[in-house]
């Protein structure tokens, strides 16, 4: 192999390696653009106990632990070291939006409620409105029939009475043969 052929082979190899690296970079950019258009579905993640403004307003100092549990539900966190404190933590994560996080701490003195500390809490209506994901689900079908559509239905078919079963025998044959 001559010196010129060797140099030419090296130059071709160098050019092929450079071209493949440039092609990979171009392919990566194209795949990133396609991935930006087609994104996988990510589920909404709801964790903890949601406490509304109405629930927090219903709790009054002096209520028993049972009454508080009936209104707020079972606390997410209870501690052996802080037996007089219940924590209600709520997080809501949705694709493309900032996660929501709220904390409510309920303090007891003995069995009676002493005080409540809470982040700014939404009302139930505000929370339900925030759950709207913005997806177009189409027209909601009417789930109730009008009197006119009920009149158009065929008449109901009466159930046929089943025939009575024959009477059971008065005695059954023995399960084992008689021993002689």
Protein backbone atom coordinates (compact mmCIF):
# COMPACT_ATOMS: atom_id res chain seq x y z
CA UNK A 1 0.00 0.00 0.00
CA UNK A 2 1.45 3.32 -0.97
CA UNK A 3 1.78 6.41 1.16
CA UNK A 4 -0.91 8.21 -0.84
CA UNK A 5 -3.41 5.36 -0.46
CA UNK A 6 -2.78 5.22 3.30
CA UNK A 7 -3.32 8.95 3.67
CA UNK A 8 -6.47 8.80 1.56
CA UNK A 9 -7.85 5.89 3.65
CA UNK A 10 -7.21 7.84 6.86
CA UNK A 11 -8.87 10.93 5.42
CA UNK A 12 -11.93 8.89 4.36
CA UNK A 13 -12.15 7.30 7.83
CA UNK A 14 -11.89 10.71 9.49
CA UNK A 15 -14.60 12.10 7.21
CA UNK A 16 -16.91 9.12 7.88
CA UNK A 17 -16.47 9.44 11.65
CA UNK A 18 -17.18 13.20 11.50
CA UNK A 19 -20.25 12.68 9.34
CA UNK A 20 -21.65 10.04 11.70
CA UNK A 21 -21.19 12.34 14.69
CA UNK A 22 -22.93 15.19 12.88
CA UNK A 23 -25.77 12.83 11.87
CA UNK A 24 -26.23 11.74 15.49
CA UNK A 25 -26.46 15.36 16.58
CA UNK A 26 -29.05 16.09 13.90
CA UNK A 27 -31.00 12.98 14.81
CA UNK A 28 -30.99 13.99 18.47
CA UNK A 29 -32.40 17.42 17.62
CA UNK A 30 -35.14 15.88 15.47
CA UNK A 31 -36.07 13.35 18.13
CA UNK A 32 -36.23 16.14 20.73
CA UNK A 33 -38.63 18.11 18.52
CA UNK A 34 -40.84 15.03 17.99
CA UNK A 35 -40.79 14.24 21.72
CA UNK A 36 -41.85 17.84 22.41
CA UNK A 37 -44.96 17.30 20.30
CA UNK A 38 -45.82 13.78 21.44
CA UNK A 39 -45.61 13.62 25.23
CA UNK A 40 -46.57 10.63 27.32
CA UNK A 41 -49.57 10.84 29.62
CA UNK A 42 -48.61 11.61 33.20
CA UNK A 43 -51.19 10.88 35.86
CA UNK A 44 -52.32 13.45 38.38
CA UNK A 45 -50.92 12.50 41.79
CA UNK A 46 -53.11 13.26 44.80
CA UNK A 47 -51.70 12.39 48.21
CA UNK A 48 -52.89 13.05 51.74
CA UNK A 49 -56.03 14.51 53.25
CA UNK A 50 -57.75 17.47 51.62
CA UNK A 51 -59.06 19.87 54.26
CA UNK A 52 -61.37 22.62 52.99
CA UNK A 53 -62.00 26.08 54.40
CA UNK A 54 -65.47 24.93 55.46
CA UNK A 55 -64.09 21.95 57.39
CA UNK A 56 -61.53 24.11 59.21
CA UNK A 57 -64.26 26.62 60.11
CA UNK A 58 -66.42 23.83 61.58
CA UNK A 59 -63.76 22.95 64.13
CA UNK A 60 -64.03 24.81 67.42
CA UNK A 61 -61.78 24.77 70.50
CA UNK A 62 -62.99 22.32 73.12
CA UNK A 63 -64.15 19.66 70.61
CA UNK A 64 -63.11 16.09 71.36
CA UNK A 65 -60.64 14.12 69.25
CA UNK A 66 -63.49 12.00 67.92
CA UNK A 67 -65.45 15.06 66.79
CA UNK A 68 -62.36 16.47 65.04
CA UNK A 69 -61.71 13.12 63.35
CA UNK A 70 -65.35 13.00 62.19
CA UNK A 71 -64.97 16.39 60.49
CA UNK A 72 -61.40 16.24 59.14
CA UNK A 73 -60.91 12.52 58.74
CA UNK A 74 -58.04 10.41 60.00
CA UNK A 75 -54.82 12.45 60.29
CA UNK A 76 -52.04 11.62 57.86
CA UNK A 77 -49.37 12.00 60.54
CA UNK A 78 -49.53 11.21 64.22
CA UNK A 79 -46.44 11.01 66.38
CA UNK A 80 -45.73 9.03 69.51
CA UNK A 81 -43.57 11.94 70.68
CA UNK A 82 -46.25 14.56 69.97
CA UNK A 83 -49.44 12.77 70.98
CA UNK A 84 -51.33 16.08 71.24
CA UNK A 85 -50.71 17.05 67.60
CA UNK A 86 -52.31 15.75 64.41
CA UNK A 87 -51.02 16.75 60.98
CA UNK A 88 -53.05 16.77 57.79
CA UNK A 89 -50.84 17.10 54.70
CA UNK A 90 -52.18 17.35 51.14
CA UNK A 91 -50.23 17.45 47.85
CA UNK A 92 -51.56 17.56 44.31
CA UNK A 93 -49.18 17.21 41.35
CA UNK A 94 -50.31 17.67 37.76
CA UNK A 95 -48.29 17.65 34.54
CA UNK A 96 -47.33 21.16 33.46
CA UNK A 97 -48.56 22.91 36.63
CA UNK A 98 -46.99 23.87 39.93
CA UNK A 99 -47.69 21.27 42.64
CA UNK A 100 -50.18 22.28 45.32
CA UNK A 101 -49.24 21.58 48.93
CA UNK A 102 -51.21 22.42 52.07
CA UNK A 103 -50.65 21.63 55.73
CA UNK A 104 -53.05 21.69 58.67
CA UNK A 105 -51.91 21.01 62.24
CA UNK A 106 -54.43 20.37 65.00
CA UNK A 107 -53.32 20.68 68.64
CA UNK A 108 -55.04 19.08 71.63
CA UNK A 109 -54.78 19.53 75.36
CA UNK A 110 -55.79 16.17 76.78
CA UNK A 111 -58.83 15.10 74.75
CA UNK A 112 -60.02 18.65 73.91
CA UNK A 113 -59.03 20.71 70.85
CA UNK A 114 -56.82 23.63 71.80
CA UNK A 115 -56.03 25.29 68.45
CA UNK A 116 -55.61 24.76 64.70
CA UNK A 117 -52.81 26.06 62.45
CA UNK A 118 -53.36 25.92 58.71
CA UNK A 119 -52.08 27.23 55.40
CA UNK A 120 -54.51 29.26 53.29
CA UNK A 121 -57.21 26.71 52.48
CA UNK A 122 -59.52 26.79 49.45
CA UNK A 123 -63.24 26.22 49.71
CA UNK A 124 -64.63 22.96 48.39
CA UNK A 125 -65.95 24.74 45.28
CA UNK A 126 -62.56 26.35 44.60
CA UNK A 127 -60.80 23.01 44.98
CA UNK A 128 -63.20 21.25 42.62
CA UNK A 129 -62.71 24.05 40.07
CA UNK A 130 -58.92 23.59 40.31
CA UNK A 131 -59.32 19.91 39.40
CA UNK A 132 -60.49 20.82 35.88
CA UNK A 133 -57.56 19.70 33.78
CA UNK A 134 -58.51 21.79 30.77
CA UNK A 135 -59.01 18.72 28.60
CA UNK A 136 -61.92 18.95 26.22
CA UNK A 137 -64.11 15.98 27.07
CA UNK A 138 -66.84 16.89 24.59
CA UNK A 139 -70.52 17.38 25.21
CA UNK A 140 -71.82 15.76 28.39
CA UNK A 141 -74.75 13.46 27.55
CA UNK A 142 -78.11 13.97 29.21
CA UNK A 143 -78.55 11.22 31.78
CA UNK A 144 -82.25 11.70 32.41
CA UNK A 145 -85.11 10.71 30.14
CA UNK A 146 -87.86 13.16 29.37
CA UNK A 147 -91.52 12.10 29.74
CA UNK A 148 -91.82 12.07 25.92
CA UNK A 149 -88.90 9.66 25.51
CA UNK A 150 -90.31 7.44 28.30
CA UNK A 151 -93.64 7.25 26.42
CA UNK A 152 -91.82 6.01 23.27
CA UNK A 153 -90.36 2.98 25.09
CA UNK A 154 -92.03 -0.40 24.47
CA UNK A 155 -94.16 -1.70 27.31
CA UNK A 156 -92.36 -3.70 29.95
CA UNK A 157 -92.54 -7.46 29.59
CA UNK A 158 -93.97 -9.22 32.62
CA UNK A 159 -91.84 -11.95 34.09
CA UNK A 160 -93.12 -15.49 33.55
CA UNK A 161 -93.90 -17.33 36.75
CA UNK A 162 -91.62 -20.35 37.05
CA UNK A 163 -93.23 -23.77 37.31
CA UNK A 164 -93.28 -25.15 40.84
CA UNK A 165 -90.67 -27.76 41.59
CA UNK A 166 -91.78 -31.34 42.23
CA UNK A 167 -92.02 -32.28 45.89
CA UNK A 168 -88.95 -33.72 47.58
CA UNK A 169 -88.95 -37.47 48.27
CA UNK A 170 -90.08 -38.57 51.72
CA UNK A 171 -86.98 -40.70 52.21
CA UNK A 172 -83.65 -41.15 50.49
CA UNK A 173 -81.85 -44.41 49.71
CA UNK A 174 -79.04 -45.26 52.12
CA UNK A 175 -75.58 -43.92 51.22
CA UNK A 176 -73.82 -47.19 52.11
CA UNK A 177 -75.00 -50.69 51.49
CA UNK A 178 -76.41 -52.52 54.50
CA UNK A 179 -73.88 -54.78 56.24
CA UNK A 180 -75.01 -58.41 56.66
